[in-house]
PDB file of N, CA and C in Angstrom:
ATOM      1  N   UNK A   1     145.238 187.626 172.577  1.00  0.00           N
ATOM      2  CA  UNK A   1     145.329 187.136 171.311  1.00  0.00           C
ATOM      3  C   UNK A   1     143.942 187.112 170.413  1.00  0.00           C
ATOM      4  N   UNK A   2     143.977 187.580 169.231  1.00  0.00           N
ATOM      5  CA  UNK A   2     142.874 187.766 168.295  1.00  0.00           C
ATOM      6  C   UNK A   2     142.051 186.332 168.165  1.00  0.00           C
ATOM      7  N   UNK A   3     140.792 186.444 167.799  1.00  0.00           N
ATOM      8  CA  UNK A   3     140.008 185.032 167.504  1.00  0.00           C
ATOM      9  C   UNK A   3     140.542 184.769 166.204  1.00  0.00           C
ATOM     10  N   UNK A   4     140.288 183.361 165.868  1.00  0.00           N
ATOM     11  CA  UNK A   4     140.911 182.877 164.563  1.00  0.00           C
ATOM     12  C   UNK A   4     140.126 183.592 163.327  1.00  0.00           C
ATOM     13  N   UNK A   5     138.901 183.894 163.278  1.00  0.00           N
ATOM     14  CA  UNK A   5     138.160 184.696 162.321  1.00  0.00           C
ATOM     15  C   UNK A   5     138.663 186.094 162.046  1.00  0.00           C
ATOM     16  N   UNK A   6     139.327 186.472 162.891  1.00  0.00           N
ATOM     17  CA  UNK A   6     139.984 187.916 162.567  1.00  0.00           C
ATOM     18  C   UNK A   6     141.444 187.762 161.940  1.00  0.00           C
ATOM     19  N   UNK A   7     141.993 186.411 161.937  1.00  0.00           N
ATOM     20  CA  UNK A   7     143.189 186.373 161.450  1.00  0.00           C
ATOM     21  C   UNK A   7     143.269 185.607 160.272  1.00  0.00           C
ATOM     22  N   UNK A   8     142.660 184.424 160.051  1.00  0.00           N
ATOM     23  CA  UNK A   8     142.764 183.498 158.769  1.00  0.00           C
ATOM     24  C   UNK A   8     141.490 183.833 158.052  1.00  0.00           C
ATOM     25  N   UNK A   9     141.692 184.119 156.637  1.00  0.00           N
ATOM     26  CA  UNK A   9     140.740 184.287 155.756  1.00  0.00           C
ATOM     27  C   UNK A   9     140.399 183.069 155.117  1.00  0.00           C
ATOM     28  N   UNK A  10     141.193 182.346 154.393  1.00  0.00           N
ATOM     29  CA  UNK A  10     140.842 181.057 153.775  1.00  0.00           C
ATOM     30  C   UNK A  10     142.256 180.267 153.523  1.00  0.00           C
ATOM     31  N   UNK A  11     142.211 179.097 153.182  1.00  0.00           N
ATOM     32  CA  UNK A  11     143.249 178.263 152.842  1.00  0.00           C
ATOM     33  C   UNK A  11     143.397 178.409 151.362  1.00  0.00           C
ATOM     34  N   UNK A  12     144.666 178.474 150.919  1.00  0.00           N
ATOM     35  CA  UNK A  12     145.068 178.504 149.570  1.00  0.00           C
ATOM     36  C   UNK A  12     145.239 177.205 149.026  1.00  0.00           C
ATOM     37  N   UNK A  13     144.517 176.680 147.849  1.00  0.00           N
ATOM     38  CA  UNK A  13     144.718 175.423 147.432  1.00  0.00           C
ATOM     39  C   UNK A  13     145.355 175.743 145.887  1.00  0.00           C
ATOM     40  N   UNK A  14     146.688 175.480 145.819  1.00  0.00           N
ATOM     41  CA  UNK A  14     147.302 175.578 144.526  1.00  0.00           C
ATOM     42  C   UNK A  14     147.972 174.307 144.040  1.00  0.00           C
ATOM     43  N   UNK A  15     148.509 174.132 143.075  1.00  0.00           N
ATOM     44  CA  UNK A  15     149.443 173.065 142.743  1.00  0.00           C
ATOM     45  C   UNK A  15     150.397 173.154 143.684  1.00  0.00           C
ATOM     46  N   UNK A  16     151.176 174.090 143.640  1.00  0.00           N
ATOM     47  CA  UNK A  16     152.546 174.179 144.638  1.00  0.00           C
ATOM     48  C   UNK A  16     152.011 174.115 146.268  1.00  0.00           C
ATOM     49  N   UNK A  17     150.978 174.485 146.628  1.00  0.00           N
ATOM     50  CA  UNK A  17     150.647 174.478 147.852  1.00  0.00           C
ATOM     51  C   UNK A  17     150.353 172.944 148.418  1.00  0.00           C
ATOM     52  N   UNK A  18     149.503 172.418 147.405  1.00  0.00           N
ATOM     53  CA  UNK A  18     149.178 170.867 147.548  1.00  0.00           C
ATOM     54  C   UNK A  18     150.570 170.097 147.637  1.00  0.00           C
ATOM     55  N   UNK A  19     151.505 170.457 146.820  1.00  0.00           N
ATOM     56  CA  UNK A  19     152.828 169.627 146.880  1.00  0.00           C
ATOM     57  C   UNK A  19     153.419 169.919 148.213  1.00  0.00           C
ATOM     58  N   UNK A  20     153.578 171.108 148.727  1.00  0.00           N
ATOM     59  CA  UNK A  20     154.072 171.309 150.014  1.00  0.00           C
ATOM     60  C   UNK A  20     153.376 170.824 151.146  1.00  0.00           C
ATOM     61  N   UNK A  21     152.056 170.510 151.113  1.00  0.00           N
ATOM     62  CA  UNK A  21     151.382 169.946 152.204  1.00  0.00           C
ATOM     63  C   UNK A  21     151.644 168.527 152.170  1.00  0.00           C
ATOM     64  N   UNK A  22     151.773 167.940 151.064  1.00  0.00           N
ATOM     65  CA  UNK A  22     151.970 166.440 150.987  1.00  0.00           C
ATOM     66  C   UNK A  22     153.435 166.076 151.295  1.00  0.00           C
ATOM     67  N   UNK A  23     154.359 166.829 150.857  1.00  0.00           N
ATOM     68  CA  UNK A  23     155.739 166.431 151.199  1.00  0.00           C
ATOM     69  C   UNK A  23     156.518 167.025 152.452  1.00  0.00           C
ATOM     70  N   UNK A  24     156.046 168.367 152.775  1.00  0.00           N
ATOM     71  CA  UNK A  24     156.772 168.916 153.896  1.00  0.00           C
ATOM     72  C   UNK A  24     155.772 169.240 155.210  1.00  0.00           C
ATOM     73  N   UNK A  25     154.477 168.900 154.958  1.00  0.00           N
ATOM     74  CA  UNK A  25     153.619 169.342 156.113  1.00  0.00           C
ATOM     75  C   UNK A  25     153.380 170.710 156.107  1.00  0.00           C
ATOM     76  N   UNK A  26     153.437 171.664 155.070  1.00  0.00           N
ATOM     77  CA  UNK A  26     153.190 172.970 154.995  1.00  0.00           C
ATOM     78  C   UNK A  26     151.862 173.338 154.542  1.00  0.00           C
ATOM     79  N   UNK A  27     151.214 174.273 155.139  1.00  0.00           N
ATOM     80  CA  UNK A  27     149.808 174.622 154.506  1.00  0.00           C
ATOM     81  C   UNK A  27     149.942 176.092 154.447  1.00  0.00           C
ATOM     82  N   UNK A  28     149.320 176.530 153.254  1.00  0.00           N
ATOM     83  CA  UNK A  28     149.199 178.083 152.992  1.00  0.00           C
ATOM     84  C   UNK A  28     147.812 178.645 153.269  1.00  0.00           C
ATOM     85  N   UNK A  29     147.722 179.739 153.961  1.00  0.00           N
ATOM     86  CA  UNK A  29     146.607 180.434 154.266  1.00  0.00           C
ATOM     87  C   UNK A  29     146.747 181.856 153.788  1.00  0.00           C
ATOM     88  N   UNK A  30     145.600 182.497 153.442  1.00  0.00           N
ATOM     89  CA  UNK A  30     145.534 183.972 153.163  1.00  0.00           C
ATOM     90  C   UNK A  30     144.998 184.457 154.436  1.00  0.00           C
ATOM     91  N   UNK A  31     145.630 185.566 154.837  1.00  0.00           N
ATOM     92  CA  UNK A  31     145.427 186.064 156.211  1.00  0.00           C
ATOM     93  C   UNK A  31     145.128 187.570 156.144  1.00  0.00           C
ATOM     94  N   UNK A  32     144.495 188.293 157.136  1.00  0.00           N
ATOM     95  CA  UNK A  32     144.348 189.668 157.096  1.00  0.00           C
ATOM     96  C   UNK A  32     145.634 190.465 157.295  1.00  0.00           C
ATOM     97  N   UNK A  33     145.698 191.512 156.813  1.00  0.00           N
ATOM     98  CA  UNK A  33     146.963 192.356 156.717  1.00  0.00           C
ATOM     99  C   UNK A  33     147.645 192.825 158.135  1.00  0.00           C
ATOM    100  N   UNK A  34     146.662 192.668 159.183  1.00  0.00           N
ATOM    101  CA  UNK A  34     147.356 192.974 160.502  1.00  0.00           C
ATOM    102  C   UNK A  34     147.877 191.697 161.094  1.00  0.00           C
ATOM    103  N   UNK A  35     147.728 190.753 160.475  1.00  0.00           N
ATOM    104  CA  UNK A  35     147.886 189.284 161.287  1.00  0.00           C
ATOM    105  C   UNK A  35     149.526 189.297 161.424  1.00  0.00           C
ATOM    106  N   UNK A  36     149.960 188.659 162.481  1.00  0.00           N
ATOM    107  CA  UNK A  36     151.368 188.509 162.692  1.00  0.00           C
ATOM    108  C   UNK A  36     151.698 187.141 162.854  1.00  0.00           C
ATOM    109  N   UNK A  37     152.983 186.659 162.899  1.00  0.00           N
ATOM    110  CA  UNK A  37     153.247 185.170 163.198  1.00  0.00           C
ATOM    111  C   UNK A  37     152.710 184.449 164.301  1.00  0.00           C
ATOM    112  N   UNK A  38     152.595 185.388 165.471  1.00  0.00           N
ATOM    113  CA  UNK A  38     152.092 184.681 166.560  1.00  0.00           C
ATOM    114  C   UNK A  38     150.477 184.529 166.503  1.00  0.00           C
ATOM    115  N   UNK A  39     149.930 185.597 165.905  1.00  0.00           N
ATOM    116  CA  UNK A  39     148.495 185.416 165.718  1.00  0.00           C
ATOM    117  C   UNK A  39     148.120 184.240 164.771  1.00  0.00           C
ATOM    118  N   UNK A  40     148.932 183.996 163.848  1.00  0.00           N
ATOM    119  CA  UNK A  40     148.517 182.902 162.857  1.00  0.00           C
ATOM    120  C   UNK A  40     148.918 181.526 163.635  1.00  0.00           C
ATOM    121  N   UNK A  41     149.925 181.481 164.309  1.00  0.00           N
ATOM    122  CA  UNK A  41     150.319 180.316 165.021  1.00  0.00           C
ATOM    123  C   UNK A  41     149.055 179.907 166.001  1.00  0.00           C
ATOM    124  N   UNK A  42     148.748 180.859 166.876  1.00  0.00           N
ATOM    125  CA  UNK A  42     147.559 180.496 167.752  1.00  0.00           C
ATOM    126  C   UNK A  42     146.215 180.243 167.136  1.00  0.00           C
ATOM    127  N   UNK A  43     145.929 180.858 166.051  1.00  0.00           N
ATOM    128  CA  UNK A  43     144.858 180.707 165.402  1.00  0.00           C
ATOM    129  C   UNK A  43     144.605 179.338 164.601  1.00  0.00           C
ATOM    130  N   UNK A  44     145.574 178.796 163.957  1.00  0.00           N
ATOM    131  CA  UNK A  44     145.830 177.510 163.309  1.00  0.00           C
ATOM    132  C   UNK A  44     145.871 176.491 164.520  1.00  0.00           C
ATOM    133  N   UNK A  45     146.383 176.644 165.519  1.00  0.00           N
ATOM    134  CA  UNK A  45     146.496 175.689 166.644  1.00  0.00           C
ATOM    135  C   UNK A  45     145.084 175.482 167.360  1.00  0.00           C
ATOM    136  N   UNK A  46     144.396 176.586 167.389  1.00  0.00           N
ATOM    137  CA  UNK A  46     143.097 176.613 168.164  1.00  0.00           C
ATOM    138  C   UNK A  46     141.929 175.783 167.257  1.00  0.00           C
ATOM    139  N   UNK A  47     142.039 176.334 165.840  1.00  0.00           N
ATOM    140  CA  UNK A  47     141.172 175.772 164.700  1.00  0.00           C
ATOM    141  C   UNK A  47     141.195 174.490 164.450  1.00  0.00           C
ATOM    142  N   UNK A  48     142.404 173.971 164.276  1.00  0.00           N
ATOM    143  CA  UNK A  48     142.551 172.690 163.639  1.00  0.00           C
ATOM    144  C   UNK A  48     143.186 171.663 164.559  1.00  0.00           C
ATOM    145  N   UNK A  49     143.349 171.980 165.914  1.00  0.00           N
ATOM    146  CA  UNK A  49     143.825 171.183 166.923  1.00  0.00           C
ATOM    147  C   UNK A  49     145.201 170.465 166.634  1.00  0.00           C
ATOM    148  N   UNK A  50     146.269 171.286 166.051  1.00  0.00           N
ATOM    149  CA  UNK A  50     147.508 170.667 165.442  1.00  0.00           C
ATOM    150  C   UNK A  50     148.708 171.565 166.218  1.00  0.00           C
ATOM    151  N   UNK A  51     149.926 170.795 166.216  1.00  0.00           N
ATOM    152  CA  UNK A  51     151.232 171.745 166.694  1.00  0.00           C
ATOM    153  C   UNK A  51     151.893 172.392 165.555  1.00  0.00           C
ATOM    154  N   UNK A  52     152.031 173.661 165.577  1.00  0.00           N
ATOM    155  CA  UNK A  52     152.633 174.381 164.746  1.00  0.00           C
ATOM    156  C   UNK A  52     154.124 174.610 164.931  1.00  0.00           C
ATOM    157  N   UNK A  53     155.011 174.180 164.057  1.00  0.00           N
ATOM    158  CA  UNK A  53     156.505 174.272 164.223  1.00  0.00           C
ATOM    159  C   UNK A  53     156.841 175.529 163.825  1.00  0.00           C
ATOM    160  N   UNK A  54     156.545 176.197 162.713  1.00  0.00           N
ATOM    161  CA  UNK A  54     157.166 177.444 161.950  1.00  0.00           C
ATOM    162  C   UNK A  54     155.987 178.247 161.315  1.00  0.00           C
ATOM    163  N   UNK A  55     155.986 179.441 161.184  1.00  0.00           N
ATOM    164  CA  UNK A  55     155.074 180.411 160.460  1.00  0.00           C
ATOM    165  C   UNK A  55     155.897 181.350 159.546  1.00  0.00           C
ATOM    166  N   UNK A  56     155.795 181.313 158.225  1.00  0.00           N
ATOM    167  CA  UNK A  56     156.425 182.311 157.427  1.00  0.00           C
ATOM    168  C   UNK A  56     155.197 183.061 156.835  1.00  0.00           C
ATOM    169  N   UNK A  57     155.686 184.445 156.746  1.00  0.00           N
ATOM    170  CA  UNK A  57     154.604 185.421 156.198  1.00  0.00           C
ATOM    171  C   UNK A  57     155.122 186.106 155.051  1.00  0.00           C
ATOM    172  N   UNK A  58     154.195 186.231 154.064  1.00  0.00           N
ATOM    173  CA  UNK A  58     154.491 186.878 152.687  1.00  0.00           C
ATOM    174  C   UNK A  58     153.491 187.969 152.419  1.00  0.00           C
ATOM    175  N   UNK A  59     153.981 189.085 152.145  1.00  0.00           N
ATOM    176  CA  UNK A  59     153.160 190.040 151.644  1.00  0.00           C
ATOM    177  C   UNK A  59     153.163 189.881 149.918  1.00  0.00           C
ATOM    178  N   UNK A  60     152.054 189.484 149.309  1.00  0.00           N
ATOM    179  CA  UNK A  60     151.839 189.442 147.884  1.00  0.00           C
ATOM    180  C   UNK A  60     151.491 190.841 147.313  1.00  0.00           C
ATOM    181  N   UNK A  61     152.204 191.351 146.276  1.00  0.00           N
ATOM    182  CA  UNK A  61     151.817 192.473 145.680  1.00  0.00           C
ATOM    183  C   UNK A  61     150.871 192.145 144.611  1.00  0.00           C
ATOM    184  N   UNK A  62     149.771 192.643 144.117  1.00  0.00           N
ATOM    185  CA  UNK A  62     148.820 192.365 143.060  1.00  0.00           C
ATOM    186  C   UNK A  62     149.471 192.554 141.803  1.00  0.00           C
ATOM    187  N   UNK A  63     149.054 191.921 140.866  1.00  0.00           N
ATOM    188  CA  UNK A  63     149.811 191.806 139.495  1.00  0.00           C
ATOM    189  C   UNK A  63     149.156 192.775 138.649  1.00  0.00           C
ATOM    190  N   UNK A  64     149.696 193.556 137.652  1.00  0.00           N
ATOM    191  CA  UNK A  64     148.968 194.455 136.882  1.00  0.00           C
ATOM    192  C   UNK A  64     148.316 193.520 135.847  1.00  0.00           C
ATOM    193  N   UNK A  65     147.097 193.770 135.445  1.00  0.00           N
ATOM    194  CA  UNK A  65     146.402 193.071 134.382  1.00  0.00           C
ATOM    195  C   UNK A  65     145.604 194.145 133.533  1.00  0.00           C
ATOM    196  N   UNK A  66     144.983 193.725 132.581  1.00  0.00           N
ATOM    197  CA  UNK A  66     143.984 194.420 131.748  1.00  0.00           C
ATOM    198  C   UNK A  66     142.581 193.933 131.906  1.00  0.00           C
ATOM    199  N   UNK A  67     141.655 194.768 131.870  1.00  0.00           N
ATOM    200  CA  UNK A  67     140.125 194.389 131.829  1.00  0.00           C
ATOM    201  C   UNK A  67     139.789 194.022 130.595  1.00  0.00           C
ATOM    202  N   UNK A  68     138.440 193.675 130.261  1.00  0.00           N
ATOM    203  CA  UNK A  68     138.063 193.087 128.919  1.00  0.00           C
ATOM    204  C   UNK A  68     137.978 194.422 127.955  1.00  0.00           C
ATOM    205  N   UNK A  69     138.022 195.646 128.444  1.00  0.00           N
ATOM    206  CA  UNK A  69     138.190 196.681 127.508  1.00  0.00           C
ATOM    207  C   UNK A  69     139.581 197.128 126.989  1.00  0.00           C
ATOM    208  N   UNK A  70     140.422 196.391 127.819  1.00  0.00           N
ATOM    209  CA  UNK A  70     141.918 197.006 127.528  1.00  0.00           C
ATOM    210  C   UNK A  70     142.387 197.790 128.509  1.00  0.00           C
ATOM    211  N   UNK A  71     141.589 198.266 129.352  1.00  0.00           N
ATOM    212  CA  UNK A  71     142.210 199.176 130.414  1.00  0.00           C
ATOM    213  C   UNK A  71     143.027 198.585 131.332  1.00  0.00           C
ATOM    214  N   UNK A  72     144.304 199.321 131.840  1.00  0.00           N
ATOM    215  CA  UNK A  72     145.115 198.574 132.866  1.00  0.00           C
ATOM    216  C   UNK A  72     144.280 198.717 134.196  1.00  0.00           C
ATOM    217  N   UNK A  73     144.454 197.479 134.935  1.00  0.00           N
ATOM    218  CA  UNK A  73     143.980 197.423 136.309  1.00  0.00           C
ATOM    219  C   UNK A  73     145.185 196.666 137.126  1.00  0.00           C
ATOM    220  N   UNK A  74     144.668 196.484 138.499  1.00  0.00           N
ATOM    221  CA  UNK A  74     145.732 195.743 139.169  1.00  0.00           C
ATOM    222  C   UNK A  74     144.904 195.031 140.085  1.00  0.00           C
ATOM    223  N   UNK A  75     145.447 193.594 140.368  1.00  0.00           N
ATOM    224  CA  UNK A  75     144.820 192.688 141.161  1.00  0.00           C
ATOM    225  C   UNK A  75     145.058 193.043 142.572  1.00  0.00           C
ATOM    226  N   UNK A  76     144.292 192.786 143.554  1.00  0.00           N
ATOM    227  CA  UNK A  76     144.349 193.054 144.889  1.00  0.00           C
ATOM    228  C   UNK A  76     145.805 192.372 145.671  1.00  0.00           C
ATOM    229  N   UNK A  77     146.315 193.535 146.371  1.00  0.00           N
ATOM    230  CA  UNK A  77     147.459 192.931 147.220  1.00  0.00           C
ATOM    231  C   UNK A  77     146.750 192.023 148.474  1.00  0.00           C
ATOM    232  N   UNK A  78     147.619 191.233 148.803  1.00  0.00           N
ATOM    233  CA  UNK A  78     147.048 190.326 150.098  1.00  0.00           C
ATOM    234  C   UNK A  78     148.366 189.800 150.763  1.00  0.00           C
ATOM    235  N   UNK A  79     148.181 189.127 151.876  1.00  0.00           N
ATOM    236  CA  UNK A  79     149.099 188.628 152.665  1.00  0.00           C
ATOM    237  C   UNK A  79     148.849 187.037 152.933  1.00  0.00           C
ATOM    238  N   UNK A  80     149.963 186.404 152.555  1.00  0.00           N
ATOM    239  CA  UNK A  80     149.721 184.840 152.975  1.00  0.00           C
ATOM    240  C   UNK A  80     150.711 184.576 154.078  1.00  0.00           C
ATOM    241  N   UNK A  81     150.381 183.320 154.498  1.00  0.00           N
ATOM    242  CA  UNK A  81     151.127 182.556 155.754  1.00  0.00           C
ATOM    243  C   UNK A  81     151.469 181.237 155.361  1.00  0.00           C
ATOM    244  N   UNK A  82     152.561 180.847 155.393  1.00  0.00           N
ATOM    245  CA  UNK A  82     152.738 179.386 154.992  1.00  0.00           C
ATOM    246  C   UNK A  82     153.152 178.766 156.519  1.00  0.00           C
ATOM    247  N   UNK A  83     152.322 177.687 156.965  1.00  0.00           N
ATOM    248  CA  UNK A  83     152.491 177.264 158.237  1.00  0.00           C
ATOM    249  C   UNK A  83     153.061 175.665 158.143  1.00  0.00           C
ATOM    250  N   UNK A  84     154.217 175.343 158.743  1.00  0.00           N
ATOM    251  CA  UNK A  84     154.761 174.392 158.899  1.00  0.00           C
ATOM    252  C   UNK A  84     154.414 173.559 160.162  1.00  0.00           C
ATOM    253  N   UNK A  85     153.573 172.330 160.028  1.00  0.00           N
ATOM    254  CA  UNK A  85     153.096 171.525 161.127  1.00  0.00           C
ATOM    255  C   UNK A  85     154.130 170.700 161.879  1.00  0.00           C
ATOM    256  N   UNK A  86     154.043 170.230 163.021  1.00  0.00           N
ATOM    257  CA  UNK A  86     154.800 169.336 163.621  1.00  0.00           C
ATOM    258  C   UNK A  86     154.583 167.950 163.142  1.00  0.00           C
ATOM    259  N   UNK A  87     155.870 167.271 163.070  1.00  0.00           N
ATOM    260  CA  UNK A  87     155.941 165.895 162.584  1.00  0.00           C
ATOM    261  C   UNK A  87     154.706 165.156 162.963  1.00  0.00           C
ATOM    262  N   UNK A  88     153.850 164.459 162.054  1.00  0.00           N
ATOM    263  CA  UNK A  88     152.872 163.710 162.348  1.00  0.00           C
ATOM    264  C   UNK A  88     151.565 164.031 162.424  1.00  0.00           C
ATOM    265  N   UNK A  89     151.365 165.599 162.421  1.00  0.00           N
ATOM    266  CA  UNK A  89     150.114 166.307 162.350  1.00  0.00           C
ATOM    267  C   UNK A  89     149.652 166.556 161.120  1.00  0.00           C
ATOM    268  N   UNK A  90     148.374 166.640 160.704  1.00  0.00           N
ATOM    269  CA  UNK A  90     147.751 166.898 159.443  1.00  0.00           C
ATOM    270  C   UNK A  90     146.627 167.797 159.497  1.00  0.00           C
ATOM    271  N   UNK A  91     146.395 168.399 158.494  1.00  0.00           N
ATOM    272  CA  UNK A  91     144.911 169.061 158.468  1.00  0.00           C
ATOM    273  C   UNK A  91     144.111 168.545 157.330  1.00  0.00           C
ATOM    274  N   UNK A  92     142.979 167.965 157.757  1.00  0.00           N
ATOM    275  CA  UNK A  92     142.134 167.306 156.711  1.00  0.00           C
ATOM    276  C   UNK A  92     141.271 168.386 156.046  1.00  0.00           C
ATOM    277  N   UNK A  93     141.328 168.291 154.691  1.00  0.00           N
ATOM    278  CA  UNK A  93     140.587 169.694 153.781  1.00  0.00           C
ATOM    279  C   UNK A  93     139.507 168.899 152.999  1.00  0.00           C
ATOM    280  N   UNK A  94     138.788 168.086 153.677  1.00  0.00           N
ATOM    281  CA  UNK A  94     137.529 167.478 152.898  1.00  0.00           C
ATOM    282  C   UNK A  94     136.380 167.675 153.616  1.00  0.00           C
TER     283      UNK A  94
END
């Protein structure tokens, strides 16, 4: 298995992800493009010492935007993982 620093990039803190973590025990991570569900599961379990129930992976396509001169550009594509923890487990984010 890969080490955690080659799988997990960062935790995504948005309004939606905060609601998911408080109500359903789901946490959202941005991961490297080569990461698989098994890699994410082992990285989260090793890093945060919690039990993982399920991992969902989503490839997010970058949105088209315009820069300040009005030229069209595109935001970067990225891959995110939504990790559901076992009942009673929690990740402290402070």
